[in-house]
Amino acid sequence: MAFSNRFLNVIVVVAIVLPTIAIATDYIVGDDKGWTNDNFDYQAWAKDKNFTVGDVLVFNYKSGSHNVYKVDGAGFMSCNTTSPNGEPPLTTGNDRVELKTPGNKWYICGKPGHCLNGNQKLKISVNNGTASSSDAHGIVSSGFKVLFGALIVVSII
């Protein structure tokens, strides 16, 4: 009987603790519309989202029709494709951008007229979070640590 009570205690602890572990999210930029120059309002799309370090932006578009430049605030305002780090544009049509640091991030399409006339640009604010690209095991590692700690506590009870 003691074993079944311990098992039940473990299940309860796991059910309480696991939902509190941060999980990185993949955001499909523009949702079903994707990365397009059809006057889609990317600022409205991003407005209610909580971007956190470790999340991933996915830019979906027809390769060759668009691209993605990571720019600074001035480049965003003027639609200037000069990257602050000299990074080349993303061009695969299924570009994944991991959000590695907190702060403002700016992305534009460098095809002629797409940013200026088609509003194909995105500005987001990234919050500091628990998910980190520097930890190769990320969330899985921290989840097992929490679970292991919970098992030790329950076994002592």
N, C-alpha and C. Protein backbone atom coordinates (compact mmCIF):
# COMPACT_ATOMS: atom_id res chain seq x y z
N MET A 1 0.82 -1.20 0.00
CA MET A 1 0.00 0.00 0.00
C MET A 1 0.86 1.26 0.00
N ALA A 2 2.01 1.20 0.71
CA ALA A 2 2.89 2.37 0.77
C ALA A 2 3.43 2.70 -0.61
N PHE A 3 3.69 1.67 -1.42
CA PHE A 3 4.20 1.91 -2.76
C PHE A 3 3.18 2.67 -3.60
N SER A 4 1.91 2.28 -3.53
CA SER A 4 0.89 2.94 -4.34
C SER A 4 0.68 4.38 -3.88
N ASN A 5 0.81 4.65 -2.58
CA ASN A 5 0.70 6.04 -2.09
C ASN A 5 1.86 6.88 -2.60
N ARG A 6 3.07 6.32 -2.59
CA ARG A 6 4.23 7.04 -3.11
C ARG A 6 4.06 7.32 -4.60
N PHE A 7 3.59 6.32 -5.33
CA PHE A 7 3.39 6.50 -6.76
C PHE A 7 2.37 7.60 -7.02
N LEU A 8 1.30 7.61 -6.26
CA LEU A 8 0.28 8.65 -6.39
C LEU A 8 0.87 10.01 -6.07
N ASN A 9 1.71 10.09 -5.02
CA ASN A 9 2.36 11.35 -4.67
C ASN A 9 3.26 11.84 -5.81
N VAL A 10 3.99 10.92 -6.43
CA VAL A 10 4.86 11.29 -7.55
C VAL A 10 4.02 11.84 -8.70
N ILE A 11 2.94 11.19 -9.01
CA ILE A 11 2.07 11.65 -10.10
C ILE A 11 1.53 13.04 -9.80
N VAL A 12 1.12 13.30 -8.57
CA VAL A 12 0.60 14.61 -8.19
C VAL A 12 1.68 15.68 -8.33
N VAL A 13 2.89 15.39 -7.84
CA VAL A 13 3.99 16.36 -7.93
C VAL A 13 4.33 16.65 -9.39
N VAL A 14 4.41 15.61 -10.20
CA VAL A 14 4.72 15.79 -11.62
C VAL A 14 3.63 16.62 -12.30
N ALA A 15 2.38 16.35 -11.98
CA ALA A 15 1.27 17.09 -12.59
C ALA A 15 1.30 18.56 -12.21
N ILE A 16 1.81 18.87 -11.02
CA ILE A 16 1.88 20.26 -10.58
C ILE A 16 3.10 20.96 -11.16
N VAL A 17 4.24 20.28 -11.19
CA VAL A 17 5.50 20.91 -11.57
C VAL A 17 5.68 21.04 -13.08
N LEU A 18 5.37 20.02 -13.85
CA LEU A 18 5.66 20.04 -15.28
C LEU A 18 5.02 21.21 -16.04
N PRO A 19 3.79 21.60 -15.74
CA PRO A 19 3.24 22.75 -16.49
C PRO A 19 3.98 24.06 -16.24
N THR A 20 4.75 24.15 -15.17
CA THR A 20 5.46 25.40 -14.87
C THR A 20 6.79 25.51 -15.61
N ILE A 21 7.22 24.44 -16.27
CA ILE A 21 8.48 24.46 -17.00
C ILE A 21 8.26 25.18 -18.33
N ALA A 22 9.10 26.16 -18.61
CA ALA A 22 8.95 26.94 -19.85
C ALA A 22 9.27 26.07 -21.06
N ILE A 23 8.47 26.21 -22.08
CA ILE A 23 8.68 25.48 -23.32
C ILE A 23 8.78 26.49 -24.45
N ALA A 24 9.83 26.37 -25.25
CA ALA A 24 10.01 27.28 -26.38
C ALA A 24 8.89 27.07 -27.40
N THR A 25 8.53 28.14 -28.08
CA THR A 25 7.44 28.12 -29.05
C THR A 25 7.96 28.46 -30.44
N ASP A 26 7.46 27.76 -31.44
CA ASP A 26 7.71 28.12 -32.84
C ASP A 26 6.56 29.01 -33.29
N TYR A 27 6.89 30.21 -33.74
CA TYR A 27 5.88 31.14 -34.26
C TYR A 27 5.99 31.19 -35.77
N ILE A 28 4.92 30.83 -36.46
CA ILE A 28 4.86 30.95 -37.92
C ILE A 28 4.50 32.40 -38.22
N VAL A 29 5.45 33.16 -38.72
CA VAL A 29 5.24 34.59 -38.97
C VAL A 29 4.12 34.76 -40.00
N GLY A 30 3.09 35.50 -39.60
CA GLY A 30 1.93 35.71 -40.47
C GLY A 30 0.93 34.58 -40.45
N ASP A 31 1.14 33.59 -39.59
CA ASP A 31 0.27 32.41 -39.51
C ASP A 31 0.04 31.82 -40.91
N ASP A 32 -1.22 31.63 -41.31
CA ASP A 32 -1.52 31.00 -42.60
C ASP A 32 -1.09 31.85 -43.81
N LYS A 33 -1.00 33.16 -43.64
CA LYS A 33 -0.59 34.04 -44.74
C LYS A 33 0.90 33.89 -45.04
N GLY A 34 1.68 33.56 -44.01
CA GLY A 34 3.12 33.45 -44.19
C GLY A 34 3.77 34.81 -44.32
N TRP A 35 4.96 34.82 -44.89
CA TRP A 35 5.76 36.04 -45.09
C TRP A 35 5.43 36.55 -46.48
N THR A 36 4.57 37.55 -46.56
CA THR A 36 4.04 38.02 -47.83
C THR A 36 4.06 39.54 -47.91
N ASN A 37 3.95 40.08 -49.11
CA ASN A 37 3.90 41.53 -49.27
C ASN A 37 2.50 42.01 -49.65
N ASP A 38 1.49 41.27 -49.26
CA ASP A 38 0.09 41.61 -49.56
C ASP A 38 -0.50 42.56 -48.53
N ASN A 39 0.29 43.54 -48.08
CA ASN A 39 -0.15 44.51 -47.07
C ASN A 39 -0.66 43.85 -45.81
N PHE A 40 -0.08 42.70 -45.45
CA PHE A 40 -0.40 42.04 -44.19
C PHE A 40 0.19 42.87 -43.06
N ASP A 41 -0.54 43.02 -41.97
CA ASP A 41 -0.08 43.84 -40.84
C ASP A 41 0.68 42.96 -39.84
N TYR A 42 1.99 42.88 -40.00
CA TYR A 42 2.80 42.04 -39.13
C TYR A 42 2.88 42.59 -37.71
N GLN A 43 2.74 43.90 -37.55
CA GLN A 43 2.76 44.47 -36.20
C GLN A 43 1.51 44.03 -35.44
N ALA A 44 0.37 44.01 -36.10
CA ALA A 44 -0.86 43.54 -35.46
C ALA A 44 -0.74 42.05 -35.14
N TRP A 45 -0.11 41.29 -36.05
CA TRP A 45 0.08 39.86 -35.82
C TRP A 45 0.93 39.63 -34.56
N ALA A 46 1.97 40.43 -34.36
CA ALA A 46 2.90 40.23 -33.25
C ALA A 46 2.41 40.83 -31.94
N LYS A 47 1.45 41.73 -32.02
CA LYS A 47 1.04 42.55 -30.87
C LYS A 47 0.74 41.75 -29.60
N ASP A 48 -0.02 40.70 -29.69
CA ASP A 48 -0.45 39.96 -28.50
C ASP A 48 0.40 38.73 -28.20
N LYS A 49 1.52 38.60 -28.89
CA LYS A 49 2.38 37.44 -28.66
C LYS A 49 3.47 37.78 -27.65
N ASN A 50 3.81 36.79 -26.85
CA ASN A 50 4.85 36.94 -25.83
C ASN A 50 6.10 36.19 -26.31
N PHE A 51 6.96 36.88 -27.04
CA PHE A 51 8.18 36.27 -27.55
C PHE A 51 9.20 36.18 -26.43
N THR A 52 9.81 35.01 -26.30
CA THR A 52 10.75 34.75 -25.21
C THR A 52 12.03 34.15 -25.78
N VAL A 53 13.14 34.42 -25.11
CA VAL A 53 14.42 33.82 -25.51
C VAL A 53 14.22 32.31 -25.63
N GLY A 54 14.68 31.76 -26.73
CA GLY A 54 14.52 30.33 -27.00
C GLY A 54 13.42 30.04 -28.00
N ASP A 55 12.47 30.97 -28.17
CA ASP A 55 11.42 30.81 -29.18
C ASP A 55 12.03 30.88 -30.57
N VAL A 56 11.28 30.43 -31.56
CA VAL A 56 11.75 30.43 -32.95
C VAL A 56 10.71 31.10 -33.83
N LEU A 57 11.18 32.02 -34.68
CA LEU A 57 10.34 32.60 -35.73
C LEU A 57 10.53 31.77 -36.98
N VAL A 58 9.43 31.39 -37.63
CA VAL A 58 9.50 30.64 -38.88
C VAL A 58 8.90 31.51 -39.98
N PHE A 59 9.72 31.85 -40.95
CA PHE A 59 9.30 32.67 -42.08
C PHE A 59 9.02 31.74 -43.26
N ASN A 60 7.75 31.56 -43.61
CA ASN A 60 7.36 30.71 -44.73
C ASN A 60 6.99 31.57 -45.93
N TYR A 61 7.60 31.27 -47.08
CA TYR A 61 7.33 31.99 -48.32
C TYR A 61 7.88 31.19 -49.49
N LYS A 62 7.49 31.57 -50.69
CA LYS A 62 8.01 30.91 -51.88
C LYS A 62 9.44 31.39 -52.11
N SER A 63 10.37 30.46 -52.08
CA SER A 63 11.78 30.80 -52.27
C SER A 63 11.97 31.53 -53.60
N GLY A 64 12.72 32.62 -53.56
CA GLY A 64 12.94 33.44 -54.73
C GLY A 64 12.00 34.63 -54.82
N SER A 65 10.82 34.50 -54.19
CA SER A 65 9.85 35.59 -54.21
C SER A 65 10.09 36.60 -53.10
N HIS A 66 10.66 36.14 -52.00
CA HIS A 66 10.90 36.97 -50.83
C HIS A 66 12.24 36.58 -50.22
N ASN A 67 12.62 37.28 -49.17
CA ASN A 67 13.77 36.94 -48.35
C ASN A 67 13.57 37.58 -46.99
N VAL A 68 14.48 37.33 -46.08
CA VAL A 68 14.38 37.90 -44.74
C VAL A 68 15.74 38.48 -44.36
N TYR A 69 15.75 39.77 -44.09
CA TYR A 69 16.94 40.43 -43.58
C TYR A 69 16.72 40.77 -42.11
N LYS A 70 17.69 40.45 -41.28
CA LYS A 70 17.68 40.92 -39.90
C LYS A 70 18.37 42.27 -39.91
N VAL A 71 17.65 43.32 -39.48
CA VAL A 71 18.18 44.68 -39.53
C VAL A 71 18.08 45.33 -38.16
N ASP A 72 18.58 46.56 -38.06
CA ASP A 72 18.42 47.32 -36.82
C ASP A 72 17.20 48.23 -36.96
N GLY A 73 16.94 49.03 -35.92
CA GLY A 73 15.76 49.90 -35.92
C GLY A 73 15.75 50.89 -37.07
N ALA A 74 16.91 51.47 -37.38
CA ALA A 74 16.99 52.43 -38.49
C ALA A 74 16.73 51.74 -39.82
N GLY A 75 17.29 50.56 -40.00
CA GLY A 75 17.06 49.79 -41.23
C GLY A 75 15.60 49.40 -41.38
N PHE A 76 14.96 49.12 -40.26
CA PHE A 76 13.53 48.78 -40.27
C PHE A 76 12.70 49.98 -40.74
N MET A 77 12.99 51.14 -40.18
CA MET A 77 12.22 52.34 -40.52
C MET A 77 12.41 52.75 -41.98
N SER A 78 13.63 52.61 -42.50
CA SER A 78 13.93 53.05 -43.87
C SER A 78 13.88 51.92 -44.90
N CYS A 79 13.63 50.70 -44.42
CA CYS A 79 13.65 49.51 -45.28
C CYS A 79 15.01 49.33 -45.94
N ASN A 80 16.08 49.61 -45.19
CA ASN A 80 17.45 49.45 -45.65
C ASN A 80 17.94 48.06 -45.26
N THR A 81 18.39 47.29 -46.23
CA THR A 81 18.77 45.90 -45.99
C THR A 81 20.17 45.72 -45.44
N THR A 82 20.86 46.80 -45.11
CA THR A 82 22.19 46.66 -44.54
C THR A 82 22.07 46.06 -43.15
N SER A 83 22.61 44.86 -42.99
CA SER A 83 22.53 44.15 -41.72
C SER A 83 23.58 44.70 -40.76
N PRO A 84 23.23 44.92 -39.49
CA PRO A 84 24.21 45.44 -38.54
C PRO A 84 25.39 44.50 -38.32
N ASN A 85 25.19 43.22 -38.52
CA ASN A 85 26.27 42.24 -38.34
C ASN A 85 26.81 41.73 -39.67
N GLY A 86 26.37 42.32 -40.77
CA GLY A 86 26.82 41.87 -42.09
C GLY A 86 26.28 40.50 -42.47
N GLU A 87 25.19 40.08 -41.82
CA GLU A 87 24.61 38.77 -42.10
C GLU A 87 23.93 38.78 -43.47
N PRO A 88 24.08 37.69 -44.22
CA PRO A 88 23.37 37.60 -45.50
C PRO A 88 21.88 37.37 -45.25
N PRO A 89 21.05 37.63 -46.25
CA PRO A 89 19.61 37.39 -46.06
C PRO A 89 19.31 35.90 -45.98
N LEU A 90 18.19 35.59 -45.38
CA LEU A 90 17.67 34.22 -45.36
C LEU A 90 16.84 34.06 -46.62
N THR A 91 16.99 32.94 -47.31
CA THR A 91 16.36 32.81 -48.63
C THR A 91 15.73 31.45 -48.90
N THR A 92 15.62 30.58 -47.91
CA THR A 92 15.17 29.21 -48.18
C THR A 92 13.67 29.09 -48.41
N GLY A 93 12.89 30.04 -47.87
CA GLY A 93 11.44 29.93 -47.94
C GLY A 93 10.85 29.24 -46.74
N ASN A 94 11.70 28.68 -45.89
CA ASN A 94 11.29 28.08 -44.63
C ASN A 94 12.37 28.40 -43.61
N ASP A 95 12.55 29.70 -43.38
CA ASP A 95 13.66 30.18 -42.55
C ASP A 95 13.28 30.17 -41.08
N ARG A 96 14.17 29.60 -40.27
CA ARG A 96 13.96 29.52 -38.83
C ARG A 96 14.97 30.44 -38.14
N VAL A 97 14.45 31.33 -37.30
CA VAL A 97 15.30 32.27 -36.58
C VAL A 97 15.06 32.05 -35.09
N GLU A 98 16.08 31.51 -34.41
CA GLU A 98 15.97 31.34 -32.96
C GLU A 98 16.22 32.67 -32.28
N LEU A 99 15.36 33.01 -31.34
CA LEU A 99 15.50 34.25 -30.58
C LEU A 99 16.43 33.97 -29.41
N LYS A 100 17.68 34.39 -29.54
CA LYS A 100 18.73 34.03 -28.58
C LYS A 100 18.94 35.04 -27.48
N THR A 101 18.55 36.28 -27.70
CA THR A 101 18.78 37.34 -26.71
C THR A 101 17.52 38.18 -26.56
N PRO A 102 17.33 38.77 -25.37
CA PRO A 102 16.18 39.65 -25.18
C PRO A 102 16.39 40.98 -25.89
N GLY A 103 15.30 41.70 -26.11
CA GLY A 103 15.36 43.03 -26.71
C GLY A 103 14.56 43.11 -27.99
N ASN A 104 14.64 44.25 -28.65
CA ASN A 104 13.92 44.47 -29.90
C ASN A 104 14.64 43.78 -31.05
N LYS A 105 13.86 43.20 -31.96
CA LYS A 105 14.37 42.53 -33.16
C LYS A 105 13.57 43.04 -34.34
N TRP A 106 14.26 43.25 -35.47
CA TRP A 106 13.63 43.79 -36.67
C TRP A 106 13.96 42.92 -37.87
N TYR A 107 12.94 42.65 -38.71
CA TYR A 107 13.11 41.83 -39.91
C TYR A 107 12.36 42.49 -41.06
N ILE A 108 12.97 42.48 -42.24
CA ILE A 108 12.33 43.04 -43.43
C ILE A 108 12.57 42.14 -44.63
N CYS A 109 11.74 42.30 -45.66
CA CYS A 109 11.99 41.65 -46.95
C CYS A 109 12.78 42.63 -47.78
N GLY A 110 13.85 42.15 -48.42
CA GLY A 110 14.71 43.02 -49.21
C GLY A 110 14.36 43.09 -50.69
N LYS A 111 13.30 42.41 -51.11
CA LYS A 111 12.89 42.50 -52.51
C LYS A 111 12.35 43.90 -52.78
N PRO A 112 12.64 44.47 -53.95
CA PRO A 112 12.23 45.85 -54.25
C PRO A 112 10.74 46.10 -54.00
N GLY A 113 10.47 47.10 -53.17
CA GLY A 113 9.10 47.52 -52.89
C GLY A 113 8.36 46.71 -51.85
N HIS A 114 8.86 45.55 -51.46
CA HIS A 114 8.11 44.71 -50.54
C HIS A 114 8.03 45.31 -49.14
N CYS A 115 9.10 45.90 -48.67
CA CYS A 115 9.09 46.51 -47.34
C CYS A 115 8.39 47.86 -47.37
N LEU A 116 8.80 48.73 -48.27
CA LEU A 116 8.24 50.08 -48.33
C LEU A 116 6.78 50.11 -48.75
N ASN A 117 6.44 49.39 -49.80
CA ASN A 117 5.08 49.47 -50.35
C ASN A 117 4.17 48.35 -49.86
N GLY A 118 4.73 47.21 -49.53
CA GLY A 118 3.91 46.07 -49.14
C GLY A 118 3.88 45.82 -47.65
N ASN A 119 4.56 46.67 -46.88
CA ASN A 119 4.58 46.54 -45.42
C ASN A 119 5.14 45.20 -44.96
N GLN A 120 6.06 44.62 -45.72
CA GLN A 120 6.62 43.32 -45.36
C GLN A 120 7.80 43.51 -44.42
N LYS A 121 7.43 43.81 -43.17
CA LYS A 121 8.44 44.00 -42.13
C LYS A 121 7.83 43.67 -40.78
N LEU A 122 8.69 43.22 -39.88
CA LEU A 122 8.25 42.76 -38.58
C LEU A 122 9.18 43.29 -37.50
N LYS A 123 8.58 43.87 -36.46
CA LYS A 123 9.33 44.28 -35.27
C LYS A 123 8.73 43.55 -34.09
N ILE A 124 9.60 42.93 -33.29
CA ILE A 124 9.13 42.24 -32.08
C ILE A 124 10.01 42.64 -30.90
N SER A 125 9.49 42.38 -29.72
CA SER A 125 10.25 42.55 -28.49
C SER A 125 10.36 41.19 -27.83
N VAL A 126 11.59 40.77 -27.55
CA VAL A 126 11.84 39.45 -26.98
C VAL A 126 12.12 39.60 -25.49
N ASN A 127 11.36 38.87 -24.69
CA ASN A 127 11.54 38.87 -23.24
C ASN A 127 12.56 37.83 -22.83
N ASN A 128 13.22 38.09 -21.71
CA ASN A 128 14.16 37.12 -21.17
C ASN A 128 13.36 35.92 -20.69
N GLY A 129 13.84 34.73 -20.95
CA GLY A 129 13.12 33.53 -20.54
C GLY A 129 14.07 32.48 -20.04
N THR A 130 13.50 31.33 -19.67
CA THR A 130 14.33 30.26 -19.13
C THR A 130 14.89 29.37 -20.22
N ALA A 131 14.28 29.36 -21.41
CA ALA A 131 14.82 28.54 -22.49
C ALA A 131 16.08 29.20 -23.02
N SER A 132 17.12 28.41 -23.24
CA SER A 132 18.39 28.98 -23.69
C SER A 132 19.04 28.09 -24.72
N SER A 133 19.57 28.70 -25.76
CA SER A 133 20.25 27.91 -26.78
C SER A 133 21.64 27.48 -26.31
N SER A 134 22.16 28.08 -25.24
CA SER A 134 23.48 27.70 -24.77
C SER A 134 23.46 26.35 -24.05
N ASP A 135 22.30 25.94 -23.56
CA ASP A 135 22.16 24.64 -22.93
C ASP A 135 21.68 23.67 -24.00
N ALA A 136 22.54 22.76 -24.40
CA ALA A 136 22.21 21.87 -25.51
C ALA A 136 20.96 21.05 -25.23
N HIS A 137 20.68 20.78 -23.97
CA HIS A 137 19.52 19.97 -23.64
C HIS A 137 18.33 20.82 -23.25
N GLY A 138 18.53 22.10 -23.04
CA GLY A 138 17.45 23.06 -22.81
C GLY A 138 16.42 22.60 -21.82
N ILE A 139 15.19 22.62 -22.28
CA ILE A 139 14.05 22.35 -21.43
C ILE A 139 14.04 20.91 -20.94
N VAL A 140 14.45 19.98 -21.77
CA VAL A 140 14.45 18.58 -21.37
C VAL A 140 15.34 18.39 -20.15
N SER A 141 16.52 19.00 -20.17
CA SER A 141 17.45 18.89 -19.06
C SER A 141 16.86 19.45 -17.77
N SER A 142 16.29 20.65 -17.83
CA SER A 142 15.74 21.25 -16.62
C SER A 142 14.52 20.48 -16.15
N GLY A 143 13.74 19.92 -17.07
CA GLY A 143 12.57 19.14 -16.70
C GLY A 143 12.95 17.89 -15.93
N PHE A 144 14.00 17.21 -16.39
CA PHE A 144 14.46 16.03 -15.68
C PHE A 144 15.02 16.38 -14.31
N LYS A 145 15.68 17.51 -14.18
CA LYS A 145 16.20 17.94 -12.88
C LYS A 145 15.06 18.16 -11.90
N VAL A 146 14.01 18.82 -12.36
CA VAL A 146 12.85 19.06 -11.49
C VAL A 146 12.18 17.75 -11.13
N LEU A 147 11.99 16.88 -12.11
CA LEU A 147 11.36 15.59 -11.86
C LEU A 147 12.20 14.76 -10.90
N PHE A 148 13.52 14.74 -11.09
CA PHE A 148 14.40 13.98 -10.21
C PHE A 148 14.32 14.51 -8.78
N GLY A 149 14.34 15.83 -8.63
CA GLY A 149 14.21 16.43 -7.31
C GLY A 149 12.89 16.07 -6.65
N ALA A 150 11.81 16.09 -7.43
CA ALA A 150 10.50 15.74 -6.90
C ALA A 150 10.46 14.29 -6.45
N LEU A 151 11.08 13.41 -7.23
CA LEU A 151 11.12 11.99 -6.85
C LEU A 151 11.88 11.78 -5.55
N ILE A 152 12.96 12.50 -5.35
CA ILE A 152 13.73 12.38 -4.10
C ILE A 152 12.88 12.84 -2.92
N VAL A 153 12.22 13.98 -3.07
CA VAL A 153 11.38 14.50 -1.98
C VAL A 153 10.27 13.53 -1.65
N VAL A 154 9.61 12.99 -2.65
CA VAL A 154 8.51 12.06 -2.42
C VAL A 154 9.00 10.77 -1.78
N SER A 155 10.17 10.29 -2.17
CA SER A 155 10.68 9.05 -1.59
C SER A 155 11.05 9.22 -0.12
N ILE A 156 11.37 10.45 0.28
CA ILE A 156 11.69 10.71 1.68
C ILE A 156 10.43 10.76 2.53
N ILE A 157 9.34 11.19 1.93
CA ILE A 157 8.07 11.35 2.67
C ILE A 157 7.53 10.05 3.15
